[in-house]
């Protein structure tokens, strides 16, 4: 018995361009976006400490950590 895949239930699989954090680009196939779209990465294996083994760098200036530090700056234990 040969089973076939159901028709019209799978997402469109097309070619996109991925731009790494250092500016390098490569083409791949994906279901993300539309054909020909560009996906710009904020985090990739070149910069993330999980891959590089380096220290974590926070790149947010007004995020949750900054708000926490401002809120509790005067707290003395």
PDB file of N, CA and C in Angstrom:
ATOM      1  N   UNK A   1       0.846  -1.175   0.000  1.00  0.00           N
ATOM      2  CA  UNK A   1       0.000   0.000   0.000  1.00  0.00           C
ATOM      3  C   UNK A   1       0.895   1.243   0.000  1.00  0.00           C
ATOM      4  N   UNK A   2       0.720   2.111  -0.974  1.00  0.00           N
ATOM      5  CA  UNK A   2       1.498   3.335  -1.091  1.00  0.00           C
ATOM      6  C   UNK A   2       0.633   4.494  -0.621  1.00  0.00           C
ATOM      7  N   UNK A   3       1.141   5.212   0.398  1.00  0.00           N
ATOM      8  CA  UNK A   3       0.405   6.370   0.888  1.00  0.00           C
ATOM      9  C   UNK A   3       1.030   7.624   0.303  1.00  0.00           C
ATOM     10  N   UNK A   4       0.207   8.542  -0.140  1.00  0.00           N
ATOM     11  CA  UNK A   4       0.709   9.792  -0.694  1.00  0.00           C
ATOM     12  C   UNK A   4       0.457  10.917   0.293  1.00  0.00           C
ATOM     13  N   UNK A   5       1.250  11.979   0.160  1.00  0.00           N
ATOM     14  CA  UNK A   5       1.070  13.131   1.035  1.00  0.00           C
ATOM     15  C   UNK A   5      -0.227  13.851   0.680  1.00  0.00           C
ATOM     16  N   UNK A   6      -0.855  14.418   1.680  1.00  0.00           N
ATOM     17  CA  UNK A   6      -2.071  15.182   1.446  1.00  0.00           C
ATOM     18  C   UNK A   6      -1.717  16.453   0.685  1.00  0.00           C
ATOM     19  N   UNK A   7      -2.586  16.864  -0.204  1.00  0.00           N
ATOM     20  CA  UNK A   7      -2.357  18.065  -0.999  1.00  0.00           C
ATOM     21  C   UNK A   7      -2.843  19.297  -0.254  1.00  0.00           C
ATOM     22  N   UNK A   8      -2.183  20.415  -0.505  1.00  0.00           N
ATOM     23  CA  UNK A   8      -2.585  21.744  -0.025  1.00  0.00           C
ATOM     24  C   UNK A   8      -2.571  21.906   1.495  1.00  0.00           C
ATOM     25  N   UNK A   9      -1.780  21.109   2.220  1.00  0.00           N
ATOM     26  CA  UNK A   9      -1.696  21.309   3.667  1.00  0.00           C
ATOM     27  C   UNK A   9      -0.304  21.771   4.089  1.00  0.00           C
ATOM     28  N   UNK A  10       0.666  21.752   3.169  1.00  0.00           N
ATOM     29  CA  UNK A  10       2.033  22.107   3.514  1.00  0.00           C
ATOM     30  C   UNK A  10       2.311  23.567   3.166  1.00  0.00           C
ATOM     31  N   UNK A  11       3.100  24.262   3.999  1.00  0.00           N
ATOM     32  CA  UNK A  11       3.413  25.665   3.705  1.00  0.00           C
ATOM     33  C   UNK A  11       4.315  25.768   2.473  1.00  0.00           C
ATOM     34  N   UNK A  12       4.320  26.943   1.874  1.00  0.00           N
ATOM     35  CA  UNK A  12       5.152  27.211   0.703  1.00  0.00           C
ATOM     36  C   UNK A  12       6.624  27.175   1.104  1.00  0.00           C
ATOM     37  N   UNK A  13       7.426  26.409   0.409  1.00  0.00           N
ATOM     38  CA  UNK A  13       8.846  26.240   0.683  1.00  0.00           C
ATOM     39  C   UNK A  13       9.590  26.914  -0.455  1.00  0.00           C
ATOM     40  N   UNK A  14      10.298  28.020  -0.158  1.00  0.00           N
ATOM     41  CA  UNK A  14      10.885  28.850  -1.202  1.00  0.00           C
ATOM     42  C   UNK A  14      12.282  29.331  -0.787  1.00  0.00           C
ATOM     43  N   UNK A  15      12.967  30.018  -1.686  1.00  0.00           N
ATOM     44  CA  UNK A  15      14.324  30.495  -1.417  1.00  0.00           C
ATOM     45  C   UNK A  15      14.294  31.898  -0.809  1.00  0.00           C
ATOM     46  N   UNK A  16      15.106  32.090   0.260  1.00  0.00           N
ATOM     47  CA  UNK A  16      15.280  33.394   0.897  1.00  0.00           C
ATOM     48  C   UNK A  16      16.773  33.645   1.073  1.00  0.00           C
ATOM     49  N   UNK A  17      17.133  34.873   1.426  1.00  0.00           N
ATOM     50  CA  UNK A  17      18.515  35.230   1.717  1.00  0.00           C
ATOM     51  C   UNK A  17      18.630  35.493   3.212  1.00  0.00           C
ATOM     52  N   UNK A  18      19.656  34.924   3.845  1.00  0.00           N
ATOM     53  CA  UNK A  18      19.915  35.134   5.269  1.00  0.00           C
ATOM     54  C   UNK A  18      21.163  35.995   5.394  1.00  0.00           C
ATOM     55  N   UNK A  19      21.073  37.082   6.198  1.00  0.00           N
ATOM     56  CA  UNK A  19      22.211  37.967   6.429  1.00  0.00           C
ATOM     57  C   UNK A  19      22.666  37.768   7.873  1.00  0.00           C
ATOM     58  N   UNK A  20      23.929  37.341   8.033  1.00  0.00           N
ATOM     59  CA  UNK A  20      24.497  37.104   9.363  1.00  0.00           C
ATOM     60  C   UNK A  20      24.854  38.445  10.013  1.00  0.00           C
ATOM     61  N   UNK A  21      25.229  38.429  11.290  1.00  0.00           N
ATOM     62  CA  UNK A  21      25.551  39.659  12.003  1.00  0.00           C
ATOM     63  C   UNK A  21      26.807  40.339  11.472  1.00  0.00           C
ATOM     64  N   UNK A  22      27.704  39.586  10.818  1.00  0.00           N
ATOM     65  CA  UNK A  22      28.905  40.203  10.258  1.00  0.00           C
ATOM     66  C   UNK A  22      28.700  40.674   8.823  1.00  0.00           C
ATOM     67  N   UNK A  23      27.477  40.559   8.293  1.00  0.00           N
ATOM     68  CA  UNK A  23      27.162  41.044   6.963  1.00  0.00           C
ATOM     69  C   UNK A  23      27.231  39.998   5.867  1.00  0.00           C
ATOM     70  N   UNK A  24      27.764  38.821   6.160  1.00  0.00           N
ATOM     71  CA  UNK A  24      27.809  37.789   5.135  1.00  0.00           C
ATOM     72  C   UNK A  24      26.397  37.290   4.847  1.00  0.00           C
ATOM     73  N   UNK A  25      26.192  36.850   3.623  1.00  0.00           N
ATOM     74  CA  UNK A  25      24.868  36.395   3.191  1.00  0.00           C
ATOM     75  C   UNK A  25      24.958  34.995   2.608  1.00  0.00           C
ATOM     76  N   UNK A  26      23.864  34.278   2.710  1.00  0.00           N
ATOM     77  CA  UNK A  26      23.752  33.007   2.014  1.00  0.00           C
ATOM     78  C   UNK A  26      22.286  32.753   1.676  1.00  0.00           C
ATOM     79  N   UNK A  27      22.077  31.964   0.644  1.00  0.00           N
ATOM     80  CA  UNK A  27      20.721  31.617   0.215  1.00  0.00           C
ATOM     81  C   UNK A  27      20.356  30.260   0.796  1.00  0.00           C
ATOM     82  N   UNK A  28      19.105  30.146   1.198  1.00  0.00           N
ATOM     83  CA  UNK A  28      18.601  28.879   1.727  1.00  0.00           C
ATOM     84  C   UNK A  28      17.125  28.770   1.377  1.00  0.00           C
ATOM     85  N   UNK A  29      16.569  27.614   1.621  1.00  0.00           N
ATOM     86  CA  UNK A  29      15.135  27.420   1.408  1.00  0.00           C
ATOM     87  C   UNK A  29      14.443  27.413   2.764  1.00  0.00           C
ATOM     88  N   UNK A  30      13.259  28.030   2.821  1.00  0.00           N
ATOM     89  CA  UNK A  30      12.572  28.188   4.091  1.00  0.00           C
ATOM     90  C   UNK A  30      11.077  28.381   3.856  1.00  0.00           C
ATOM     91  N   UNK A  31      10.307  28.259   4.930  1.00  0.00           N
ATOM     92  CA  UNK A  31       8.890  28.590   4.875  1.00  0.00           C
ATOM     93  C   UNK A  31       8.657  30.001   5.403  1.00  0.00           C
ATOM     94  N   UNK A  32       9.725  30.675   5.879  1.00  0.00           N
ATOM     95  CA  UNK A  32       9.628  32.029   6.424  1.00  0.00           C
ATOM     96  C   UNK A  32       9.455  33.042   5.297  1.00  0.00           C
ATOM     97  N   UNK A  33       8.613  34.032   5.483  1.00  0.00           N
ATOM     98  CA  UNK A  33       8.475  35.140   4.549  1.00  0.00           C
ATOM     99  C   UNK A  33       7.940  34.732   3.194  1.00  0.00           C
ATOM    100  N   UNK A  34       8.320  35.569   2.198  1.00  0.00           N
ATOM    101  CA  UNK A  34       7.902  35.325   0.822  1.00  0.00           C
ATOM    102  C   UNK A  34       9.136  35.014  -0.014  1.00  0.00           C
ATOM    103  N   UNK A  35       8.979  34.431  -1.176  1.00  0.00           N
ATOM    104  CA  UNK A  35      10.138  34.152  -2.026  1.00  0.00           C
ATOM    105  C   UNK A  35      10.951  35.419  -2.285  1.00  0.00           C
ATOM    106  N   UNK A  36      12.265  35.328  -2.086  1.00  0.00           N
ATOM    107  CA  UNK A  36      13.155  36.467  -2.320  1.00  0.00           C
ATOM    108  C   UNK A  36      13.340  37.378  -1.118  1.00  0.00           C
ATOM    109  N   UNK A  37      12.629  37.173   0.004  1.00  0.00           N
ATOM    110  CA  UNK A  37      12.785  38.005   1.198  1.00  0.00           C
ATOM    111  C   UNK A  37      14.172  37.829   1.807  1.00  0.00           C
ATOM    112  N   UNK A  38      14.569  38.811   2.636  1.00  0.00           N
ATOM    113  CA  UNK A  38      15.851  38.767   3.327  1.00  0.00           C
ATOM    114  C   UNK A  38      15.602  38.687   4.830  1.00  0.00           C
ATOM    115  N   UNK A  39      16.202  37.698   5.479  1.00  0.00           N
ATOM    116  CA  UNK A  39      16.101  37.519   6.925  1.00  0.00           C
ATOM    117  C   UNK A  39      17.400  38.003   7.539  1.00  0.00           C
ATOM    118  N   UNK A  40      17.338  39.091   8.336  1.00  0.00           N
ATOM    119  CA  UNK A  40      18.515  39.657   8.970  1.00  0.00           C
ATOM    120  C   UNK A  40      18.587  39.149  10.408  1.00  0.00           C
ATOM    121  N   UNK A  41      19.672  38.467  10.755  1.00  0.00           N
ATOM    122  CA  UNK A  41      19.805  37.866  12.077  1.00  0.00           C
ATOM    123  C   UNK A  41      20.368  38.855  13.087  1.00  0.00           C
ATOM    124  N   UNK A  42      19.801  38.868  14.299  1.00  0.00           N
ATOM    125  CA  UNK A  42      20.329  39.655  15.411  1.00  0.00           C
ATOM    126  C   UNK A  42      21.325  38.827  16.210  1.00  0.00           C
ATOM    127  N   UNK A  43      21.104  37.533  16.259  1.00  0.00           N
ATOM    128  CA  UNK A  43      21.957  36.606  17.001  1.00  0.00           C
ATOM    129  C   UNK A  43      22.246  35.433  16.079  1.00  0.00           C
ATOM    130  N   UNK A  44      23.506  35.040  16.012  1.00  0.00           N
ATOM    131  CA  UNK A  44      23.874  33.890  15.196  1.00  0.00           C
ATOM    132  C   UNK A  44      25.085  33.207  15.826  1.00  0.00           C
ATOM    133  N   UNK A  45      25.548  32.104  15.271  1.00  0.00           N
ATOM    134  CA  UNK A  45      26.679  31.382  15.870  1.00  0.00           C
ATOM    135  C   UNK A  45      27.971  32.200  15.952  1.00  0.00           C
ATOM    136  N   UNK A  46      28.059  33.308  15.221  1.00  0.00           N
ATOM    137  CA  UNK A  46      29.262  34.131  15.270  1.00  0.00           C
ATOM    138  C   UNK A  46      29.301  35.011  16.515  1.00  0.00           C
ATOM    139  N   UNK A  47      28.142  35.315  17.103  1.00  0.00           N
ATOM    140  CA  UNK A  47      28.099  36.272  18.210  1.00  0.00           C
ATOM    141  C   UNK A  47      27.535  35.719  19.508  1.00  0.00           C
ATOM    142  N   UNK A  48      26.775  34.654  19.469  1.00  0.00           N
ATOM    143  CA  UNK A  48      26.110  34.167  20.674  1.00  0.00           C
ATOM    144  C   UNK A  48      27.082  33.388  21.549  1.00  0.00           C
ATOM    145  N   UNK A  49      27.134  33.688  22.861  1.00  0.00           N
ATOM    146  CA  UNK A  49      28.063  33.019  23.763  1.00  0.00           C
ATOM    147  C   UNK A  49      27.895  31.504  23.834  1.00  0.00           C
ATOM    148  N   UNK A  50      26.716  31.007  23.521  1.00  0.00           N
ATOM    149  CA  UNK A  50      26.517  29.561  23.551  1.00  0.00           C
ATOM    150  C   UNK A  50      27.405  28.876  22.514  1.00  0.00           C
ATOM    151  N   UNK A  51      27.686  29.558  21.403  1.00  0.00           N
ATOM    152  CA  UNK A  51      28.550  28.989  20.368  1.00  0.00           C
ATOM    153  C   UNK A  51      29.987  29.476  20.488  1.00  0.00           C
ATOM    154  N   UNK A  52      30.183  30.722  20.906  1.00  0.00           N
ATOM    155  CA  UNK A  52      31.533  31.295  20.932  1.00  0.00           C
ATOM    156  C   UNK A  52      32.273  30.970  22.210  1.00  0.00           C
ATOM    157  N   UNK A  53      31.539  30.663  23.286  1.00  0.00           N
ATOM    158  CA  UNK A  53      32.169  30.384  24.571  1.00  0.00           C
ATOM    159  C   UNK A  53      32.620  31.645  25.285  1.00  0.00           C
ATOM    160  N   UNK A  54      32.279  32.796  24.745  1.00  0.00           N
ATOM    161  CA  UNK A  54      32.695  34.070  25.327  1.00  0.00           C
ATOM    162  C   UNK A  54      31.694  34.581  26.342  1.00  0.00           C
ATOM    163  N   UNK A  55      32.007  35.745  26.918  1.00  0.00           N
ATOM    164  CA  UNK A  55      31.100  36.333  27.911  1.00  0.00           C
ATOM    165  C   UNK A  55      29.833  36.877  27.248  1.00  0.00           C
ATOM    166  N   UNK A  56      28.780  36.946  28.031  1.00  0.00           N
ATOM    167  CA  UNK A  56      27.512  37.472  27.550  1.00  0.00           C
ATOM    168  C   UNK A  56      27.611  38.990  27.498  1.00  0.00           C
ATOM    169  N   UNK A  57      27.158  39.580  26.401  1.00  0.00           N
ATOM    170  CA  UNK A  57      27.143  41.032  26.268  1.00  0.00           C
ATOM    171  C   UNK A  57      25.704  41.490  26.136  1.00  0.00           C
ATOM    172  N   UNK A  58      25.269  42.348  27.052  1.00  0.00           N
ATOM    173  CA  UNK A  58      23.923  42.900  26.953  1.00  0.00           C
ATOM    174  C   UNK A  58      23.969  44.080  26.006  1.00  0.00           C
ATOM    175  N   UNK A  59      23.105  44.086  25.003  1.00  0.00           N
ATOM    176  CA  UNK A  59      23.102  45.149  24.013  1.00  0.00           C
ATOM    177  C   UNK A  59      21.911  46.078  24.174  1.00  0.00           C
ATOM    178  N   UNK A  60      21.175  45.937  25.231  1.00  0.00           N
ATOM    179  CA  UNK A  60      20.015  46.796  25.419  1.00  0.00           C
ATOM    180  C   UNK A  60      20.359  47.907  26.398  1.00  0.00           C
ATOM    181  N   UNK A  61      19.942  49.108  26.106  1.00  0.00           N
ATOM    182  CA  UNK A  61      20.237  50.222  26.997  1.00  0.00           C
ATOM    183  C   UNK A  61      19.034  50.593  27.845  1.00  0.00           C
ATOM    184  N   UNK A  62      17.850  50.402  27.335  1.00  0.00           N
ATOM    185  CA  UNK A  62      16.661  50.783  28.083  1.00  0.00           C
ATOM    186  C   UNK A  62      15.741  49.616  28.337  1.00  0.00           C
ATOM    187  N   UNK A  63      16.293  48.427  28.449  1.00  0.00           N
ATOM    188  CA  UNK A  63      15.480  47.238  28.629  1.00  0.00           C
ATOM    189  C   UNK A  63      15.186  46.945  30.075  1.00  0.00           C
ATOM    190  N   UNK A  64      14.837  45.712  30.354  1.00  0.00           N
ATOM    191  CA  UNK A  64      14.426  45.306  31.692  1.00  0.00           C
ATOM    192  C   UNK A  64      15.555  45.423  32.701  1.00  0.00           C
ATOM    193  N   UNK A  65      16.775  45.079  32.310  1.00  0.00           N
ATOM    194  CA  UNK A  65      17.899  45.156  33.248  1.00  0.00           C
ATOM    195  C   UNK A  65      18.158  46.603  33.646  1.00  0.00           C
ATOM    196  N   UNK A  66      18.157  47.512  32.685  1.00  0.00           N
ATOM    197  CA  UNK A  66      18.381  48.928  32.978  1.00  0.00           C
ATOM    198  C   UNK A  66      17.275  49.479  33.875  1.00  0.00           C
ATOM    199  N   UNK A  67      16.034  49.104  33.588  1.00  0.00           N
ATOM    200  CA  UNK A  67      14.915  49.562  34.434  1.00  0.00           C
ATOM    201  C   UNK A  67      15.044  49.020  35.846  1.00  0.00           C
ATOM    202  N   UNK A  68      15.430  47.762  35.991  1.00  0.00           N
ATOM    203  CA  UNK A  68      15.622  47.165  37.312  1.00  0.00           C
ATOM    204  C   UNK A  68      16.701  47.918  38.084  1.00  0.00           C
ATOM    205  N   UNK A  69      17.836  48.177  37.423  1.00  0.00           N
ATOM    206  CA  UNK A  69      18.934  48.886  38.084  1.00  0.00           C
ATOM    207  C   UNK A  69      18.528  50.291  38.496  1.00  0.00           C
ATOM    208  N   UNK A  70      17.786  51.008  37.658  1.00  0.00           N
ATOM    209  CA  UNK A  70      17.319  52.356  38.032  1.00  0.00           C
ATOM    210  C   UNK A  70      16.340  52.287  39.196  1.00  0.00           C
ATOM    211  N   UNK A  71      15.471  51.308  39.176  1.00  0.00           N
ATOM    212  CA  UNK A  71      14.435  51.198  40.203  1.00  0.00           C
ATOM    213  C   UNK A  71      15.016  50.901  41.575  1.00  0.00           C
ATOM    214  N   UNK A  72      16.039  50.042  41.617  1.00  0.00           N
ATOM    215  CA  UNK A  72      16.585  49.612  42.901  1.00  0.00           C
ATOM    216  C   UNK A  72      17.972  50.185  43.178  1.00  0.00           C
ATOM    217  N   UNK A  73      18.361  51.234  42.498  1.00  0.00           N
ATOM    218  CA  UNK A  73      19.701  51.824  42.667  1.00  0.00           C
ATOM    219  C   UNK A  73      19.929  52.317  44.088  1.00  0.00           C
ATOM    220  N   UNK A  74      18.920  52.904  44.744  1.00  0.00           N
ATOM    221  CA  UNK A  74      19.084  53.487  46.064  1.00  0.00           C
ATOM    222  C   UNK A  74      18.812  52.517  47.209  1.00  0.00           C
ATOM    223  N   UNK A  75      18.510  51.280  46.907  1.00  0.00           N
ATOM    224  CA  UNK A  75      18.170  50.287  47.934  1.00  0.00           C
ATOM    225  C   UNK A  75      19.428  49.835  48.659  1.00  0.00           C
ATOM    226  N   UNK A  76      19.432  49.974  49.964  1.00  0.00           N
ATOM    227  CA  UNK A  76      20.563  49.512  50.768  1.00  0.00           C
ATOM    228  C   UNK A  76      20.091  48.448  51.734  1.00  0.00           C
ATOM    229  N   UNK A  77      20.842  47.375  51.814  1.00  0.00           N
ATOM    230  CA  UNK A  77      20.484  46.279  52.696  1.00  0.00           C
ATOM    231  C   UNK A  77      21.251  46.332  53.974  1.00  0.00           C
TER     232      UNK A  77
END
